[in-house]
Amino acid sequence: MSKEKGSLTLDIRPGERVMIGGELVEVELVHKSGQHARIKVTAPTNVKIELVKKSAPMMAE
């Protein structure tokens, strides 16, 4: 498997889908409110799907 990665920034609306790898992985924006978005990721069961949360930045004192 290649270690090279590409990227694409997209603006999507609720109900729109992004297909990755043809129809291998599908990402759908279900709902958007403020700074939160609910997305649905559909992929084969052998594809690992993981949410990686960033830690909140510390407030300067």
C-alpha atoms as a PDB file:
ATOM      1  CA  MET A   1       0.000   0.000   0.000  1.00  0.00           C
ATOM      2  CA  SER A   2       1.326   3.459  -0.928  1.00  0.00           C
ATOM      3  CA  LYS A   3       2.239   5.833   1.890  1.00  0.00           C
ATOM      4  CA  GLU A   4       1.569   8.856  -0.296  1.00  0.00           C
ATOM      5  CA  LYS A   5      -1.646  10.687   0.530  1.00  0.00           C
ATOM      6  CA  GLY A   6      -3.719  13.200  -1.317  1.00  0.00           C
ATOM      7  CA  SER A   7      -6.380  15.520   0.001  1.00  0.00           C
ATOM      8  CA  LEU A   8      -9.468  17.301  -1.220  1.00  0.00           C
ATOM      9  CA  THR A   9     -11.421  19.956   0.684  1.00  0.00           C
ATOM     10  CA  LEU A  10     -15.144  19.935  -0.042  1.00  0.00           C
ATOM     11  CA  ASP A  11     -18.112  22.056   0.990  1.00  0.00           C
ATOM     12  CA  ILE A  12     -21.179  19.854   1.264  1.00  0.00           C
ATOM     13  CA  ARG A  13     -24.764  20.323   2.370  1.00  0.00           C
ATOM     14  CA  PRO A  14     -26.913  18.021   4.515  1.00  0.00           C
ATOM     15  CA  GLY A  15     -27.972  14.981   2.491  1.00  0.00           C
ATOM     16  CA  GLU A  16     -25.004  15.194   0.116  1.00  0.00           C
ATOM     17  CA  ARG A  17     -22.535  12.306  -0.020  1.00  0.00           C
ATOM     18  CA  VAL A  18     -18.840  11.936  -0.763  1.00  0.00           C
ATOM     19  CA  MET A  19     -17.842   8.640  -2.377  1.00  0.00           C
ATOM     20  CA  ILE A  20     -14.287   7.436  -1.691  1.00  0.00           C
ATOM     21  CA  GLY A  21     -12.640   4.680  -3.711  1.00  0.00           C
ATOM     22  CA  GLY A  22     -15.517   4.464  -6.174  1.00  0.00           C
ATOM     23  CA  GLU A  23     -18.258   3.121  -3.935  1.00  0.00           C
ATOM     24  CA  LEU A  24     -15.967   1.572  -1.317  1.00  0.00           C
ATOM     25  CA  VAL A  25     -16.543   4.265   1.351  1.00  0.00           C
ATOM     26  CA  GLU A  26     -19.400   6.755   1.537  1.00  0.00           C
ATOM     27  CA  VAL A  27     -19.476   9.810   3.827  1.00  0.00           C
ATOM     28  CA  GLU A  28     -22.783  11.637   4.241  1.00  0.00           C
ATOM     29  CA  LEU A  29     -23.422  14.913   6.043  1.00  0.00           C
ATOM     30  CA  VAL A  30     -26.563  14.139   8.046  1.00  0.00           C
ATOM     31  CA  HIS A  31     -26.927  17.331  10.105  1.00  0.00           C
ATOM     32  CA  LYS A  32     -24.979  20.540  10.734  1.00  0.00           C
ATOM     33  CA  SER A  33     -25.490  22.845  13.697  1.00  0.00           C
ATOM     34  CA  GLY A  34     -23.015  25.521  14.770  1.00  0.00           C
ATOM     35  CA  GLN A  35     -19.551  23.985  14.975  1.00  0.00           C
ATOM     36  CA  HIS A  36     -20.807  20.399  15.036  1.00  0.00           C
ATOM     37  CA  ALA A  37     -21.660  18.155  12.129  1.00  0.00           C
ATOM     38  CA  ARG A  38     -23.167  14.686  12.205  1.00  0.00           C
ATOM     39  CA  ILE A  39     -21.731  12.510   9.466  1.00  0.00           C
ATOM     40  CA  LYS A  40     -22.509   8.942   8.488  1.00  0.00           C
ATOM     41  CA  VAL A  41     -19.651   6.778   7.222  1.00  0.00           C
ATOM     42  CA  THR A  42     -20.558   3.597   5.327  1.00  0.00           C
ATOM     43  CA  ALA A  43     -17.774   1.147   4.481  1.00  0.00           C
ATOM     44  CA  PRO A  44     -17.154  -2.583   4.191  1.00  0.00           C
ATOM     45  CA  THR A  45     -16.939  -4.297   7.590  1.00  0.00           C
ATOM     46  CA  ASN A  46     -13.214  -4.966   7.111  1.00  0.00           C
ATOM     47  CA  VAL A  47     -12.458  -1.212   6.868  1.00  0.00           C
ATOM     48  CA  LYS A  48     -11.603   0.355  10.227  1.00  0.00           C
ATOM     49  CA  ILE A  49     -13.558   3.538  11.011  1.00  0.00           C
ATOM     50  CA  GLU A  50     -12.233   5.526  13.958  1.00  0.00           C
ATOM     51  CA  LEU A  51     -12.996   8.945  15.443  1.00  0.00           C
ATOM     52  CA  VAL A  52      -9.794  10.690  16.520  1.00  0.00           C
ATOM     53  CA  LYS A  53     -10.567  13.601  18.841  1.00  0.00           C
ATOM     54  CA  LYS A  54      -8.187  16.495  19.263  1.00  0.00           C
ATOM     55  CA  SER A  55      -7.596  17.700  22.779  1.00  0.00           C
ATOM     56  CA  ALA A  56      -9.000  21.163  23.517  1.00  0.00           C
ATOM     57  CA  PRO A  57      -6.398  23.970  23.468  1.00  0.00           C
ATOM     58  CA  MET A  58      -5.400  25.230  26.920  1.00  0.00           C
ATOM     59  CA  MET A  59      -6.571  28.696  27.898  1.00  0.00           C
ATOM     60  CA  ALA A  60      -3.745  31.204  28.472  1.00  0.00           C
ATOM     61  CA  GLU A  61      -3.666  32.503  32.033  1.00  0.00           C
END
